[in-house]
Amino acid sequence: MKTEQLNADIHKRLEEAVLEIFSSSDFHKASIRDIANRAGVSFTTIYKHYGSKEQLVFAFVDIWMGKLTDRIVDHLHGIENLKEKLRKVFWLQLDYYERHEGLGRIVFMTLPMKTWMADATFDQPRMMSLMIDVLRQGQNEKILNPNVRAGTLLDFLMGFVQRSFFMWILRGKTDSLTDQANVMFEMVWQGMVNPEKQLQDKTGTKK
């Protein structure tokens, strides 16, 4: 993928076209020609740089997810408390997908997951490493449940975000996706915290 080699105007037009078409259309019915017509860019130019509609979409999703990662990194600076770190990550995810609804629709609703999982962009190593490190820190400190993999805790957290976005769309976006972020996070937190710590907090005793 050679997104970085496109001039700024073509890049912007392609980005807008990808966002519009793949957030509102069936992935399998959309084509490179649809993108070319919407963006005013030749089929040949798109095919030369990306090779397929899958690679085209994945390239832009990778860019958009990278911007979310940048936001998370920026906002976590100076936060020492583990729970507050995770609360901020949870809020940032909801806020980002609300502000970038098209991306949320593409990632959670229209991309064929099997196809995306086979592509390197699915891994999002910078974001996933950051979040796994925070979760492992919590496990090492006996704050988070140490009896499951850190990846399972991440799946639990991200699954809640995905379901929240999906239902927000389904229910007509009547409220802000972040309106109950703190309440929802407390539910997530209770599902992630070390059960022994919960018992200690209730009884005031230590094993």
Protein backbone atom coordinates (compact mmCIF):
# COMPACT_ATOMS: atom_id res chain seq x y z
CA MET A 1 0.00 0.00 0.00
CA LYS A 2 1.38 3.38 -1.03
CA THR A 3 -1.01 5.84 0.60
CA GLU A 4 1.89 8.07 1.65
CA GLN A 5 2.86 8.53 -2.04
CA LEU A 6 -0.47 10.07 -3.04
CA ASN A 7 -0.69 13.84 -3.18
CA ALA A 8 -2.73 15.48 -0.43
CA ASP A 9 -5.75 16.30 -2.60
CA ILE A 10 -6.15 12.78 -3.99
CA HIS A 11 -5.60 11.31 -0.53
CA LYS A 12 -8.33 13.54 0.93
CA ARG A 13 -10.80 12.69 -1.85
CA LEU A 14 -10.14 8.98 -1.51
CA GLU A 15 -10.49 9.14 2.25
CA GLU A 16 -13.86 10.86 1.99
CA ALA A 17 -15.05 8.40 -0.63
CA VAL A 18 -13.96 5.34 1.34
CA LEU A 19 -15.60 6.68 4.49
CA GLU A 20 -18.88 7.51 2.75
CA ILE A 21 -19.25 4.38 0.65
CA PHE A 22 -18.07 1.71 3.06
CA SER A 23 -19.87 3.13 6.08
CA SER A 24 -23.22 3.11 4.30
CA SER A 25 -23.06 0.31 1.72
CA ASP A 26 -22.72 -3.45 1.72
CA PHE A 27 -19.00 -4.15 1.59
CA HIS A 28 -19.32 -6.87 -1.03
CA LYS A 29 -21.40 -4.73 -3.39
CA ALA A 30 -19.09 -1.68 -3.31
CA SER A 31 -16.26 -1.60 -5.84
CA ILE A 32 -13.11 0.29 -6.70
CA ARG A 33 -15.05 1.89 -9.57
CA ASP A 34 -17.58 3.24 -7.03
CA ILE A 35 -14.70 4.78 -5.09
CA ALA A 36 -13.11 6.13 -8.27
CA ASN A 37 -16.36 7.77 -9.39
CA ARG A 38 -17.08 9.25 -5.94
CA ALA A 39 -13.52 10.54 -5.45
CA GLY A 40 -12.93 11.69 -9.01
CA VAL A 41 -9.79 9.54 -9.15
CA SER A 42 -9.01 7.11 -11.94
CA PHE A 43 -9.52 3.39 -11.42
CA THR A 44 -5.92 2.87 -12.60
CA THR A 45 -4.50 5.19 -9.93
CA ILE A 46 -6.37 3.42 -7.13
CA TYR A 47 -5.48 -0.04 -8.40
CA LYS A 48 -1.82 0.94 -8.83
CA HIS A 49 -1.53 2.08 -5.22
CA TYR A 50 -3.75 -0.49 -3.49
CA GLY A 51 -4.44 -3.46 -5.75
CA SER A 52 -7.87 -4.24 -4.30
CA LYS A 53 -10.77 -2.60 -2.52
CA GLU A 54 -9.85 -4.55 0.64
CA GLN A 55 -6.35 -3.09 0.72
CA LEU A 56 -7.78 0.35 0.00
CA VAL A 57 -10.16 0.21 2.96
CA PHE A 58 -7.62 -1.40 5.30
CA ALA A 59 -5.09 1.34 4.49
CA PHE A 60 -7.45 4.10 5.59
CA VAL A 61 -8.75 2.19 8.59
CA ASP A 62 -5.13 1.81 9.69
CA ILE A 63 -4.62 5.57 9.45
CA TRP A 64 -7.81 6.34 11.39
CA MET A 65 -7.02 3.79 14.11
CA GLY A 66 -3.53 5.25 14.37
CA LYS A 67 -5.07 8.61 15.19
CA LEU A 68 -7.10 6.99 17.96
CA THR A 69 -3.92 5.46 19.32
CA ASP A 70 -2.26 8.89 19.28
CA ARG A 71 -5.16 10.29 21.32
CA ILE A 72 -4.90 7.49 23.85
CA VAL A 73 -1.14 7.98 24.24
CA ASP A 74 -1.57 11.74 24.69
CA HIS A 75 -4.35 11.42 27.27
CA LEU A 76 -2.64 8.76 29.37
CA HIS A 77 0.35 10.97 30.08
CA GLY A 78 0.38 11.87 33.76
CA ILE A 79 -2.31 9.37 34.83
CA GLU A 80 -0.80 7.00 37.38
CA ASN A 81 -3.88 5.31 38.81
CA LEU A 82 -4.63 2.11 36.92
CA LYS A 83 -8.40 2.39 37.17
CA GLU A 84 -8.35 5.95 35.91
CA LYS A 85 -6.10 4.93 33.01
CA LEU A 86 -8.61 2.32 31.93
CA ARG A 87 -11.53 4.69 32.50
CA LYS A 88 -9.84 7.20 30.19
CA VAL A 89 -9.15 4.55 27.53
CA PHE A 90 -12.79 3.43 27.68
CA TRP A 91 -14.09 7.00 27.36
CA LEU A 92 -11.69 7.84 24.53
CA GLN A 93 -12.85 4.83 22.53
CA LEU A 94 -16.52 5.76 22.87
CA ASP A 95 -15.85 9.43 22.16
CA TYR A 96 -13.71 8.69 19.10
CA TYR A 97 -16.27 6.40 17.50
CA GLU A 98 -19.05 8.88 18.21
CA ARG A 99 -17.04 11.67 16.59
CA HIS A 100 -16.05 9.37 13.72
CA GLU A 101 -19.26 7.43 13.26
CA GLY A 102 -18.30 6.35 9.76
CA LEU A 103 -15.19 4.61 11.06
CA GLY A 104 -17.22 2.88 13.75
CA ARG A 105 -19.70 1.64 11.16
CA ILE A 106 -16.89 0.32 8.96
CA VAL A 107 -14.93 -1.37 11.76
CA PHE A 108 -17.86 -2.78 13.71
CA MET A 109 -20.58 -3.27 11.10
CA THR A 110 -19.47 -3.50 7.47
CA LEU A 111 -15.93 -4.91 7.26
CA PRO A 112 -15.87 -8.68 6.74
CA MET A 113 -14.07 -9.64 9.94
CA LYS A 114 -12.46 -12.79 8.54
CA THR A 115 -10.95 -10.82 5.67
CA TRP A 116 -9.69 -8.02 7.91
CA MET A 117 -8.23 -10.45 10.45
CA ALA A 118 -6.06 -11.93 7.70
CA ASP A 119 -4.52 -8.50 7.02
CA ALA A 120 -1.61 -7.03 8.99
CA THR A 121 -3.57 -3.85 9.75
CA PHE A 122 -5.98 -5.80 11.96
CA ASP A 123 -3.35 -6.33 14.67
CA GLN A 124 -2.89 -2.61 15.46
CA PRO A 125 0.30 -3.48 17.40
CA ARG A 126 0.91 0.00 18.83
CA MET A 127 -2.57 0.32 20.34
CA MET A 128 -2.81 -3.30 21.44
CA SER A 129 0.65 -3.30 23.04
CA LEU A 130 -0.17 -0.13 24.95
CA MET A 131 -3.42 -1.54 26.30
CA ILE A 132 -2.02 -4.99 27.04
CA ASP A 133 0.84 -3.38 28.99
CA VAL A 134 -1.65 -1.43 31.13
CA LEU A 135 -3.70 -4.58 31.78
CA ARG A 136 -0.64 -6.66 32.65
CA GLN A 137 0.47 -3.94 35.03
CA GLY A 138 -2.89 -4.29 36.77
CA GLN A 139 -2.52 -8.06 36.96
CA ASN A 140 1.01 -7.83 38.31
CA GLU A 141 -0.21 -5.45 40.99
CA LYS A 142 -3.03 -7.93 41.83
CA ILE A 143 -5.63 -5.29 41.01
CA LEU A 144 -7.01 -7.00 37.91
CA ASN A 145 -8.02 -10.64 37.61
CA PRO A 146 -4.75 -12.62 37.27
CA ASN A 147 -6.54 -15.87 36.36
CA VAL A 148 -7.14 -14.98 32.69
CA ARG A 149 -4.87 -13.74 29.94
CA ALA A 150 -4.44 -9.99 29.61
CA GLY A 151 -5.78 -10.45 26.10
CA THR A 152 -9.03 -11.80 27.51
CA LEU A 153 -9.42 -8.69 29.65
CA LEU A 154 -8.82 -6.59 26.55
CA ASP A 155 -11.42 -8.59 24.62
CA PHE A 156 -13.91 -7.93 27.42
CA LEU A 157 -13.22 -4.20 27.38
CA MET A 158 -13.28 -3.85 23.60
CA GLY A 159 -16.34 -6.06 23.28
CA PHE A 160 -18.25 -3.67 25.53
CA VAL A 161 -17.19 -0.72 23.36
CA GLN A 162 -18.23 -2.50 20.18
CA ARG A 163 -21.62 -3.55 21.52
CA SER A 164 -22.25 -0.06 22.91
CA PHE A 165 -21.56 1.51 19.52
CA PHE A 166 -23.69 -1.01 17.65
CA MET A 167 -26.68 -0.50 19.95
CA TRP A 168 -26.22 3.28 19.90
CA ILE A 169 -26.70 3.15 16.13
CA LEU A 170 -29.58 0.69 16.35
CA ARG A 171 -31.42 2.83 18.91
CA GLY A 172 -31.21 5.91 16.72
CA LYS A 173 -28.40 7.79 18.52
CA THR A 174 -30.91 9.45 20.82
CA ASP A 175 -28.21 10.24 23.39
CA SER A 176 -24.49 10.81 23.29
CA LEU A 177 -22.50 7.58 23.27
CA THR A 178 -20.42 8.94 26.15
CA ASP A 179 -23.31 10.13 28.35
CA GLN A 180 -23.11 7.07 30.60
CA ALA A 181 -19.45 6.28 30.02
CA ASN A 182 -18.57 6.40 33.72
CA VAL A 183 -21.49 4.20 34.74
CA MET A 184 -20.70 1.71 31.99
CA PHE A 185 -17.03 1.70 32.90
CA GLU A 186 -17.85 0.81 36.49
CA MET A 187 -19.68 -2.25 35.14
CA VAL A 188 -16.66 -3.18 33.02
CA TRP A 189 -14.32 -2.59 35.94
CA GLN A 190 -16.28 -4.96 38.17
CA GLY A 191 -15.88 -7.64 35.54
CA MET A 192 -12.11 -7.13 35.30
CA VAL A 193 -11.03 -6.59 38.88
CA ASN A 194 -9.27 -9.33 40.85
CA PRO A 195 -11.99 -11.30 42.70
CA GLU A 196 -9.69 -11.64 45.71
CA LYS A 197 -9.35 -7.87 45.84
CA GLN A 198 -13.12 -7.52 45.71
CA LEU A 199 -13.41 -9.90 48.65
CA GLN A 200 -10.76 -8.02 50.60
CA ASP A 201 -12.51 -4.73 49.95
CA LYS A 202 -15.80 -6.17 51.25
CA THR A 203 -14.38 -7.87 54.34
CA GLY A 204 -11.48 -5.57 55.09
CA THR A 205 -9.19 -8.60 55.46
CA LYS A 206 -6.15 -9.79 53.58
CA LYS A 207 -5.19 -13.37 52.76
